[in-house]
Amino acid sequence: MKEIIYFYVLLVMITSNDGFTQHHSGGMMSSGNGKDPAIAALLSIQPLPVAFGNFYTGNWERGIIYTTAELALFIPAAILLGRNNWGWGMHNYSYSDYTDNRRWTSNERTQFYYLLAGYVVVKIISAFDAGYSAEIYNQNLSMKYDVQTNSAMLMLNIPLN
């Protein structure tokens, strides 16, 4: 319990120092509308088969595409696991009251590893894309504060086709 309290106090100190230095420096000023690329990437890399980071940045089309790709890889892998007693296929322990001890075939194991590797690759690509989308979003809408002139500037970048 003490570790959790120490972690919470450290987290509060880090976030308060970041806000203090950002407020008193000449860099970017937080307007409350920016998207954090780290949060976007973390939301996409979480283990659920949903690309939350792309939805966070407002890229609904890419979020739906990545979520569909993740589900297309996740569901067959879950079916393979369910068919094989939710075991990884490496340790097939026999229980005295369990008579149906089905072992993985080499084909099933290979399919499962390919599905798992594809799922991880799609999650990583989704995380990088969400972080990049957050950076692009922040470049298109940013607010800067200049300490010497004591002025604020709002920049809005709208592409014209």
Protein backbone atom coordinates (compact mmCIF):
# COMPACT_ATOMS: atom_id res chain seq x y z
CA MET A 1 0.00 0.00 0.00
CA LYS A 2 2.90 2.34 0.73
CA GLU A 3 4.26 1.79 -2.78
CA ILE A 4 0.97 2.92 -4.30
CA ILE A 5 0.95 6.08 -2.17
CA TYR A 6 4.58 6.84 -3.09
CA PHE A 7 3.82 6.27 -6.77
CA TYR A 8 0.79 8.58 -6.60
CA VAL A 9 2.78 11.35 -4.85
CA LEU A 10 5.58 11.02 -7.42
CA LEU A 11 3.08 11.18 -10.26
CA VAL A 12 1.49 14.34 -8.84
CA MET A 13 4.92 15.96 -8.39
CA ILE A 14 5.99 15.14 -11.96
CA THR A 15 2.79 16.46 -13.52
CA SER A 16 2.80 19.63 -11.45
CA ASN A 17 6.44 20.37 -12.32
CA ASP A 18 5.73 19.82 -16.01
CA GLY A 19 2.86 22.29 -15.91
CA PHE A 20 4.94 24.83 -13.96
CA THR A 21 7.88 24.72 -16.37
CA GLN A 22 5.61 24.81 -19.39
CA HIS A 23 3.76 27.84 -18.02
CA HIS A 24 6.91 29.81 -17.19
CA SER A 25 8.90 29.03 -20.31
CA GLY A 26 8.64 30.51 -23.77
CA GLY A 27 7.48 27.28 -25.39
CA MET A 28 4.08 25.92 -26.27
CA MET A 29 1.19 27.09 -24.19
CA SER A 30 -1.48 24.53 -23.45
CA SER A 31 -4.77 25.64 -24.91
CA GLY A 32 -6.62 22.52 -23.78
CA ASN A 33 -7.37 21.48 -27.37
CA GLY A 34 -4.11 19.66 -28.14
CA LYS A 35 -3.77 15.90 -28.30
CA ASP A 36 -0.87 14.22 -26.52
CA PRO A 37 0.97 11.81 -28.87
CA ALA A 38 2.09 9.61 -25.96
CA ILE A 39 -1.48 9.19 -24.72
CA ALA A 40 -2.66 8.43 -28.25
CA ALA A 41 0.03 5.76 -28.66
CA LEU A 42 -0.71 4.22 -25.25
CA LEU A 43 -4.41 4.10 -25.99
CA SER A 44 -3.68 2.22 -29.21
CA ILE A 45 -1.15 -0.22 -27.72
CA GLN A 46 -3.47 -1.43 -24.94
CA PRO A 47 -4.32 -5.17 -25.27
CA LEU A 48 -8.00 -4.85 -26.25
CA PRO A 49 -8.68 -5.23 -29.99
CA VAL A 50 -9.82 -1.60 -30.38
CA ALA A 51 -7.68 1.27 -31.71
CA PHE A 52 -8.64 3.82 -29.04
CA GLY A 53 -5.71 6.11 -29.92
CA ASN A 54 -7.00 6.80 -33.41
CA PHE A 55 -10.46 7.56 -32.02
CA TYR A 56 -8.81 9.88 -29.46
CA THR A 57 -7.11 11.90 -32.20
CA GLY A 58 -10.31 12.11 -34.25
CA ASN A 59 -9.22 9.72 -37.02
CA TRP A 60 -12.43 7.69 -37.04
CA GLU A 61 -11.77 6.13 -40.46
CA ARG A 62 -8.35 4.81 -39.47
CA GLY A 63 -9.67 3.77 -36.07
CA ILE A 64 -12.35 1.65 -37.72
CA ILE A 65 -9.83 0.15 -40.17
CA TYR A 66 -7.34 -0.75 -37.42
CA THR A 67 -10.10 -2.09 -35.15
CA THR A 68 -11.39 -4.29 -37.99
CA ALA A 69 -7.88 -5.60 -38.70
CA GLU A 70 -7.29 -6.31 -35.01
CA LEU A 71 -10.61 -8.14 -34.67
CA ALA A 72 -9.91 -10.13 -37.84
CA LEU A 73 -6.73 -11.44 -36.19
CA PHE A 74 -7.97 -11.62 -32.59
CA ILE A 75 -11.18 -13.62 -33.09
CA PRO A 76 -9.61 -16.61 -34.93
CA ALA A 77 -6.82 -16.74 -32.34
CA ALA A 78 -9.40 -16.78 -29.53
CA ILE A 79 -11.32 -19.55 -31.32
CA LEU A 80 -8.13 -21.61 -31.59
CA LEU A 81 -7.44 -21.08 -27.88
CA GLY A 82 -11.01 -22.01 -26.97
CA ARG A 83 -10.89 -25.13 -29.08
CA ASN A 84 -7.74 -26.21 -27.26
CA ASN A 85 -8.97 -25.71 -23.67
CA TRP A 86 -7.63 -22.12 -23.42
CA GLY A 87 -4.07 -23.45 -23.11
CA TRP A 88 -1.09 -22.23 -25.06
CA GLY A 89 -0.41 -25.71 -26.38
CA MET A 90 3.00 -26.13 -24.78
CA HIS A 91 2.04 -27.74 -21.48
CA ASN A 92 -0.78 -30.25 -21.75
CA TYR A 93 -1.27 -31.45 -18.21
CA SER A 94 -3.70 -34.30 -17.75
CA TYR A 95 -6.17 -34.07 -14.91
CA SER A 96 -7.74 -37.12 -13.31
CA ASP A 97 -11.31 -35.81 -13.71
CA TYR A 98 -10.76 -34.38 -17.20
CA THR A 99 -10.84 -37.02 -19.92
CA ASP A 100 -10.82 -34.92 -23.12
CA ASN A 101 -7.20 -33.75 -23.21
CA ARG A 102 -6.90 -32.53 -26.80
CA ARG A 103 -3.39 -31.59 -27.89
CA TRP A 104 -2.52 -28.84 -30.35
CA THR A 105 -1.57 -29.93 -33.82
CA SER A 106 1.50 -28.34 -35.37
CA ASN A 107 -0.73 -26.66 -37.97
CA GLU A 108 -2.93 -25.10 -35.27
CA ARG A 109 0.08 -23.93 -33.32
CA THR A 110 1.62 -22.34 -36.43
CA GLN A 111 -1.68 -20.62 -37.29
CA PHE A 112 -1.99 -19.29 -33.74
CA TYR A 113 1.53 -17.86 -33.73
CA TYR A 114 0.98 -16.18 -37.11
CA LEU A 115 -2.29 -14.67 -35.88
CA LEU A 116 -0.62 -13.48 -32.66
CA ALA A 117 2.34 -11.97 -34.54
CA GLY A 118 0.01 -10.21 -36.98
CA TYR A 119 -2.04 -8.84 -34.09
CA VAL A 120 1.06 -7.42 -32.40
CA VAL A 121 2.27 -5.86 -35.67
CA VAL A 122 -1.11 -4.21 -36.30
CA LYS A 123 -1.14 -2.87 -32.69
CA ILE A 124 2.35 -1.37 -33.11
CA ILE A 125 1.48 0.23 -36.46
CA SER A 126 -1.75 1.59 -34.95
CA ALA A 127 0.17 3.10 -32.02
CA PHE A 128 2.70 4.84 -34.28
CA ASP A 129 -0.10 6.10 -36.52
CA ALA A 130 -2.07 7.45 -33.56
CA GLY A 131 0.99 9.28 -32.20
CA TYR A 132 1.74 10.74 -35.63
CA SER A 133 -1.90 11.79 -36.05
CA ALA A 134 -1.77 13.57 -32.68
CA GLU A 135 1.36 15.45 -33.76
CA ILE A 136 -0.28 16.49 -37.03
CA TYR A 137 -3.38 17.59 -35.11
CA ASN A 138 -1.22 19.70 -32.77
CA GLN A 139 0.63 21.29 -35.70
CA ASN A 140 -2.63 22.29 -37.34
CA LEU A 141 -3.92 23.94 -34.16
CA SER A 142 -1.39 25.43 -31.78
CA MET A 143 -1.07 28.36 -29.44
CA LYS A 144 2.30 29.92 -28.66
CA TYR A 145 3.22 32.41 -25.98
CA ASP A 146 6.17 34.79 -26.31
CA VAL A 147 7.59 35.92 -22.95
CA GLN A 148 9.56 38.94 -24.27
CA THR A 149 6.63 40.60 -26.04
CA ASN A 150 4.02 39.23 -23.62
CA SER A 151 1.79 38.12 -26.48
CA ALA A 152 -0.04 34.97 -27.48
CA MET A 153 -0.46 33.68 -31.01
CA LEU A 154 -3.04 31.18 -32.24
CA MET A 155 -2.12 29.29 -35.40
CA LEU A 156 -4.63 27.37 -37.48
CA ASN A 157 -3.39 25.41 -40.48
CA ILE A 158 -6.15 24.49 -42.94
CA PRO A 159 -5.11 22.65 -46.12
CA LEU A 160 -6.80 23.88 -49.31
CA ASN A 161 -7.33 21.41 -52.12
